[in-house]
Protein backbone atom coordinates (compact mmCIF):
# COMPACT_ATOMS: atom_id res chain seq x y z
CA MET A 1 -103.80 83.17 -140.70
CA GLY A 2 -103.49 81.93 -145.00
CA ASP A 3 -104.24 82.83 -148.08
CA ALA A 4 -108.02 83.37 -149.05
CA ASP A 5 -107.35 81.86 -152.77
CA GLY A 6 -108.66 78.82 -152.23
CA THR A 7 -105.31 77.30 -152.14
CA TYR A 8 -105.64 75.88 -148.65
CA ASP A 9 -108.27 73.61 -146.71
CA PHE A 10 -108.72 75.78 -143.51
CA ARG A 11 -110.41 72.65 -142.08
CA GLU A 12 -106.96 71.60 -141.64
CA ALA A 13 -106.19 74.43 -139.36
CA THR A 14 -107.97 72.48 -136.35
CA ALA A 15 -104.72 70.77 -136.07
CA PHE A 16 -102.24 74.18 -135.63
CA ILE A 17 -105.12 75.41 -133.02
CA GLU A 18 -104.74 72.77 -131.16
CA ARG A 19 -101.12 72.66 -130.74
CA LEU A 20 -100.78 75.84 -129.72
CA ARG A 21 -103.73 75.49 -126.79
CA ASN A 22 -101.74 72.06 -125.74
CA HIS A 23 -98.71 74.33 -125.23
CA GLU A 24 -96.57 72.54 -128.06
CA ALA A 25 -95.49 75.43 -129.56
CA ASP A 26 -95.30 79.51 -130.08
CA MET A 27 -96.01 79.33 -133.95
CA ILE A 28 -97.33 76.74 -136.00
CA ILE A 29 -95.92 76.70 -140.11
CA GLY A 30 -98.05 74.23 -142.92
CA SER A 31 -95.26 72.74 -144.99
CA ARG A 32 -96.76 71.66 -148.42
CA LEU A 33 -93.98 70.08 -149.50
CA LYS A 34 -94.64 67.39 -146.97
CA GLY A 35 -98.32 67.20 -147.90
CA LYS A 36 -100.57 67.01 -150.80
CA ILE A 37 -100.46 69.14 -153.32
CA ASP A 38 -102.73 69.70 -156.15
CA ARG A 39 -101.46 68.82 -159.65
CA SER A 40 -100.56 72.32 -161.16
CA ALA A 41 -101.08 74.27 -158.02
CA MET A 42 -97.06 74.75 -157.19
CA PRO A 43 -94.83 76.17 -160.15
CA PHE A 44 -91.99 73.38 -160.77
CA LEU A 45 -88.94 76.19 -159.66
CA HIS A 46 -90.71 76.76 -156.82
CA ARG A 47 -91.35 73.40 -155.90
CA TYR A 48 -87.69 72.04 -156.23
CA LEU A 49 -85.73 75.60 -156.42
CA GLY A 50 -86.81 78.55 -154.84
CA THR A 51 -88.78 77.39 -151.36
CA PRO A 52 -86.22 74.26 -150.74
CA VAL A 53 -83.44 76.44 -151.29
CA LEU A 54 -85.02 79.75 -149.02
CA SER A 55 -85.84 77.12 -146.21
CA PHE A 56 -82.85 75.52 -146.30
CA LEU A 57 -80.92 79.52 -145.59
CA ILE A 58 -83.62 79.90 -143.19
CA ARG A 59 -82.79 76.71 -141.42
CA THR A 60 -78.87 77.25 -141.54
CA PHE A 61 -79.12 80.83 -140.36
CA PHE A 62 -82.09 81.07 -137.89
CA LYS A 63 -82.29 77.36 -136.19
CA LEU A 64 -85.69 76.89 -137.34
CA ARG A 65 -86.51 73.14 -138.06
CA ILE A 66 -88.83 74.13 -141.09
CA SER A 67 -89.07 72.65 -144.78
CA ASP A 68 -91.53 75.00 -146.38
CA CYS A 69 -90.60 78.57 -145.46
CA ASN A 70 -93.13 79.93 -147.95
CA CYS A 71 -96.27 77.88 -146.93
CA GLY A 72 -98.75 80.75 -146.14
CA MET A 73 -100.67 79.05 -143.42
CA ARG A 74 -99.92 79.41 -140.12
CA ALA A 75 -100.65 80.09 -136.56
CA PHE A 76 -99.37 81.37 -133.72
CA THR A 77 -100.37 82.94 -130.18
CA LYS A 78 -101.47 86.49 -129.12
CA ALA A 79 -98.05 86.59 -127.14
CA ALA A 80 -95.83 85.30 -129.81
CA PHE A 81 -97.23 87.67 -132.33
CA GLU A 82 -96.47 90.65 -129.63
CA ARG A 83 -93.10 89.52 -129.33
CA MET A 84 -92.15 89.43 -133.22
CA HIS A 85 -93.05 92.89 -133.27
CA LEU A 86 -93.50 93.03 -137.05
CA ILE A 87 -93.50 95.98 -139.45
CA SER A 88 -92.55 94.77 -143.20
CA THR A 89 -95.03 95.39 -145.58
CA GLY A 90 -95.74 92.88 -148.57
CA MET A 91 -94.17 89.79 -149.26
CA GLU A 92 -91.33 90.55 -146.65
CA PHE A 93 -93.84 89.92 -144.07
CA ALA A 94 -93.51 86.40 -144.46
CA SER A 95 -90.05 86.02 -143.88
CA GLU A 96 -89.92 88.63 -141.36
CA MET A 97 -92.31 86.34 -139.32
CA LEU A 98 -89.97 83.37 -139.66
CA ILE A 99 -86.41 85.17 -139.25
CA LYS A 100 -87.91 86.90 -135.87
CA ALA A 101 -89.30 83.71 -134.72
CA GLY A 102 -85.76 82.56 -135.00
CA VAL A 103 -84.07 85.10 -133.47
CA LEU A 104 -86.09 85.48 -130.43
CA GLY A 105 -85.66 81.76 -129.90
CA LEU A 106 -89.84 80.92 -130.33
CA ARG A 107 -90.66 77.21 -130.38
CA VAL A 108 -91.53 76.91 -134.26
CA GLU A 109 -93.33 73.12 -135.51
CA GLU A 110 -94.75 72.56 -138.79
CA ILE A 111 -97.36 70.65 -139.60
CA PRO A 112 -98.17 68.93 -143.29
CA CYS A 113 -100.66 70.69 -144.97
CA SER A 114 -102.50 70.58 -148.44
CA LEU A 115 -102.14 72.94 -151.51
CA TYR A 116 -104.52 73.32 -154.11
CA LYS A 117 -104.70 75.64 -157.33
CA ASP A 118 -106.12 78.98 -156.71
CA GLN A 119 -109.59 79.86 -158.04
CA ARG A 120 -108.38 83.31 -158.59
CA ASP A 121 -109.63 84.67 -162.01
CA ARG A 122 -106.68 86.73 -162.84
CA LYS A 123 -103.45 85.84 -163.12
CA PRO A 124 -101.24 85.31 -160.33
CA HIS A 125 -99.27 88.53 -159.49
CA LEU A 126 -96.07 86.08 -157.66
CA LYS A 127 -93.29 86.95 -160.39
CA THR A 128 -90.54 83.57 -159.79
CA TRP A 129 -87.31 85.55 -159.75
CA ARG A 130 -88.09 88.97 -158.81
CA ASP A 131 -90.36 88.22 -155.93
CA GLY A 132 -87.47 85.05 -155.28
CA TRP A 133 -84.81 87.35 -155.03
CA ARG A 134 -86.73 89.63 -152.58
CA HIS A 135 -87.07 86.83 -150.42
CA LEU A 136 -83.35 86.03 -150.61
CA LYS A 137 -82.33 89.62 -149.95
CA PHE A 138 -84.58 90.28 -146.60
CA ILE A 139 -83.21 86.45 -145.52
CA LEU A 140 -79.51 88.05 -146.06
CA ILE A 141 -80.01 91.40 -144.23
CA PHE A 142 -80.72 89.73 -141.11
CA ALA A 143 -77.97 87.21 -141.40
CA PRO A 144 -74.70 89.66 -141.28
CA LYS A 145 -73.02 87.05 -139.87
CA TRP A 146 -73.41 84.72 -143.02
CA LEU A 147 -73.38 88.01 -145.04
CA PHE A 148 -70.38 89.68 -143.85
CA LEU A 149 -68.82 88.39 -140.68
CA ILE A 150 -67.51 84.99 -142.06
CA PRO A 151 -66.36 85.89 -145.67
CA GLY A 152 -64.71 88.66 -143.63
CA ILE A 153 -62.83 87.06 -141.77
CA GLY A 154 -61.30 84.50 -144.45
CA LEU A 155 -60.07 87.57 -146.69
CA LEU A 156 -58.68 89.17 -143.52
CA VAL A 157 -56.50 85.51 -142.67
CA LEU A 158 -55.73 85.15 -146.19
CA GLY A 159 -54.18 88.33 -146.71
CA ILE A 160 -52.47 88.23 -142.79
CA ILE A 161 -50.78 85.18 -143.13
CA PRO A 162 -48.72 85.23 -146.18
CA THR A 163 -47.90 88.98 -145.05
CA VAL A 164 -46.29 87.97 -141.91
CA MET A 165 -44.36 85.37 -144.07
CA LEU A 166 -43.12 87.33 -146.44
CA MET A 167 -41.85 89.99 -143.84
CA PHE A 168 -39.29 87.37 -143.12
CA GLY A 169 -38.45 86.83 -146.62
CA LYS A 170 -39.48 84.88 -149.97
CA ILE A 171 -41.80 82.16 -149.95
CA THR A 172 -40.54 79.48 -151.70
CA MET A 173 -43.02 76.60 -153.51
CA GLY A 174 -40.79 74.33 -155.93
CA SER A 175 -40.33 76.40 -158.77
CA ILE A 176 -42.76 79.38 -157.93
CA GLU A 177 -41.09 82.68 -155.73
CA ILE A 178 -42.96 84.83 -154.12
CA ASP A 179 -41.31 87.88 -152.98
CA SER A 180 -41.96 91.61 -151.31
CA HIS A 181 -43.89 92.96 -154.13
CA PHE A 182 -46.60 90.21 -153.71
CA ILE A 183 -47.31 92.01 -149.99
CA LEU A 184 -49.48 94.62 -152.49
CA VAL A 185 -51.86 91.41 -153.35
CA PHE A 186 -51.99 90.25 -149.67
CA SER A 187 -52.93 94.02 -148.71
CA ILE A 188 -56.18 94.15 -150.62
CA LEU A 189 -57.22 91.08 -149.22
CA ILE A 190 -56.17 92.76 -145.68
CA ILE A 191 -58.47 95.86 -146.34
CA CYS A 192 -61.55 94.06 -148.32
CA GLY A 193 -61.52 91.52 -145.28
CA TYR A 194 -61.57 94.54 -142.65
CA GLN A 195 -63.84 96.88 -144.34
CA ILE A 196 -66.17 93.76 -144.63
CA ILE A 197 -66.10 92.88 -141.02
CA TRP A 198 -67.01 96.26 -140.45
CA LEU A 199 -70.42 96.09 -142.78
CA TYR A 200 -70.96 93.25 -140.49
CA LYS A 201 -71.40 95.78 -137.85
CA PHE A 202 -73.27 98.04 -139.95
CA GLY A 203 -75.82 95.20 -140.94
CA TYR A 204 -76.47 94.25 -136.85
CA TYR A 205 -76.84 98.16 -136.12
CA PHE A 206 -79.26 98.38 -139.11
CA VAL A 207 -82.08 96.03 -137.96
CA VAL A 208 -81.94 98.16 -134.66
CA PHE A 209 -81.94 101.44 -136.21
CA SER A 210 -84.65 100.68 -139.05
CA GLY A 211 -86.97 99.40 -136.12
CA TYR A 212 -86.89 95.70 -136.88
CA PHE A 213 -85.97 95.03 -133.07
CA LYS A 214 -87.06 96.78 -130.17
CA LYS A 215 -85.18 99.37 -128.13
CA ASP A 216 -84.38 96.61 -125.46
CA LYS A 217 -82.10 95.33 -128.26
CA GLU A 218 -80.25 98.52 -129.22
CA PRO A 219 -76.17 98.11 -129.16
CA SER A 220 -73.90 100.06 -127.76
CA PHE A 221 -70.95 101.77 -129.45
CA ALA A 222 -68.19 103.52 -127.93
CA LEU A 223 -67.29 106.06 -130.75
CA GLU A 224 -64.21 107.47 -128.32
CA LYS A 225 -62.25 104.52 -127.60
CA THR A 226 -62.40 103.23 -131.55
CA LEU A 227 -61.36 106.85 -132.38
CA ILE A 228 -57.92 106.04 -130.11
CA ILE A 229 -57.78 102.48 -131.91
CA ALA A 230 -57.62 104.59 -135.44
CA LEU A 231 -55.10 106.60 -134.29
CA VAL A 232 -52.94 104.38 -132.89
CA LEU A 233 -52.80 102.19 -135.98
CA PHE A 234 -52.22 105.38 -138.11
CA PHE A 235 -49.25 106.78 -135.80
CA VAL A 236 -47.86 102.55 -135.95
CA GLY A 237 -48.06 103.17 -140.20
CA LEU A 238 -46.52 106.77 -140.28
CA GLY A 239 -43.53 105.62 -137.74
CA LEU A 240 -43.12 102.68 -140.45
CA GLY A 241 -43.48 105.01 -143.29
CA ILE A 242 -40.71 107.46 -142.05
CA TYR A 243 -38.52 104.27 -141.14
CA SER A 244 -38.50 103.09 -144.85
CA GLY A 245 -38.06 107.02 -146.17
CA LEU A 246 -34.90 107.45 -144.05
CA GLU A 247 -33.70 103.89 -144.99
CA TRP A 248 -34.03 105.48 -148.90
CA LEU A 249 -32.67 108.66 -148.31
CA LYS A 250 -29.63 107.01 -146.88
CA THR A 251 -29.16 105.27 -150.36
CA LYS A 252 -29.47 108.36 -152.19
CA TYR A 253 -32.63 107.53 -153.30
CA SER A 254 -32.45 104.46 -155.28
CA SER A 255 -35.02 101.90 -155.10
CA ILE A 256 -36.20 101.39 -151.87
CA ALA A 257 -34.20 98.31 -149.92
CA ASN A 258 -37.11 97.75 -147.13
CA LEU A 259 -40.01 97.22 -149.65
CA ARG A 260 -41.62 94.92 -146.84
CA VAL A 261 -41.89 97.40 -144.12
CA MET A 262 -43.41 100.14 -146.23
CA MET A 263 -45.95 98.11 -147.62
CA LEU A 264 -46.75 97.11 -143.85
CA GLY A 265 -46.63 100.96 -143.16
CA VAL A 266 -49.51 101.79 -145.90
CA ASP A 267 -51.82 98.93 -144.72
CA PHE A 268 -51.85 100.41 -140.96
CA ILE A 269 -52.45 103.75 -142.31
CA PHE A 270 -55.32 102.50 -144.39
CA LEU A 271 -56.93 100.65 -141.86
CA ALA A 272 -56.51 103.82 -139.83
CA ILE A 273 -58.40 105.54 -142.19
CA LEU A 274 -61.18 102.87 -142.38
CA THR A 275 -61.56 102.72 -139.01
CA GLY A 276 -62.20 106.11 -138.02
CA MET A 277 -63.87 106.94 -141.05
CA ASN A 278 -66.21 103.54 -140.28
CA ALA A 279 -66.62 104.59 -136.74
CA PHE A 280 -68.06 107.85 -137.49
CA MET A 281 -70.85 106.56 -139.16
CA LEU A 282 -71.70 103.56 -136.98
CA SER A 283 -72.00 106.22 -134.66
CA THR A 284 -74.64 107.95 -136.38
CA LEU A 285 -77.02 104.34 -136.07
CA ASN A 286 -76.03 104.79 -132.43
CA ILE A 287 -78.38 107.72 -132.08
CA ARG A 288 -81.69 107.84 -130.14
CA ILE A 289 -84.71 108.81 -132.32
CA ARG A 290 -88.07 109.37 -131.18
CA ARG A 291 -90.62 107.46 -133.21
CA SER A 292 -94.01 108.33 -133.72
CA SER A 293 -96.46 104.96 -132.33
C-alpha cells in the first residue's frame, strides 16, 4: 500500500514484497528519512520534529525498530493483516497498524524509500499541529503504562514516603522543619497518584471494550473482591477517625493532639471511596455486548 499522489515510486515496492515472500518479516514499512527525499517534498517540521518524535514514542512504547512511523509505503502478509484487526478510520488507521503490530509481536522491518513532491493540483489536506496531535493522542491511548501507571506510581510513592516519616515526628532538613500539617500536601499526591493508577486500568479496558482488540484479549475484573477491599479501607479510616475524635473530646475540644492519625484516617476514607466508585465504573467496561459483524 502507498499514497497515490505521486510521492512514492512503486517500483521500490519489489524489495518489500520479496522480503515478505522470503518470510523475513510480517510487515515492511518504508523509511523516507533513511532514503531519498526530494526537495520540498516534506515540510521542515514534519522531517525534523513531528516524524522523529512520534517514531521515538512508537519505538519506546511498542518496541518497534522503525525510524519513520508516518511513511505511507507499507507491505504486509494477509495473515498479519487479519491478526491486526484494524478498525480505525482516517489517519489513525496508519498508527493503529504499527501499534497493533507491536502489541501482537509481529516482525516489522523497514526499508529506505524515496519521497517525491506530490503531484496533486490542490493544497494538501494535512494540518501539521492538528494531525500531529491526533497521532500523538492515539499513540498515548494505547500506552496506558506510560501515560498513567508510571506517573501514578511516582506520585503515590512521593506522597507515601514522607507521610510515613511524618507519622513518627517532624522531618528536619537543615533549617527547614516539616511537621504534621504537611501531611495534607502529601495526601493530595497520594490521592492523585492512586486515581491515576485507576485510569491505567480504564485505559487498558477501553482498548478492548471499544473493539480495538478481539475478545480473546478481554481482561477480567472481580468487582466483589474490590468492593471488599474498599470496605476494609473505609473501616480502617473510620476507626482512625473515631480514635482521633475521642482524643479530641478528652482534651475538651482543644486543638486535635493527634493530627497525624486524623489525616491518615481521612486518607484511608478517600482511598476507600475512590476504590468503590472506580470499581463500579470499571465493571461497566467488563460487560459483554454483542456487536454486529
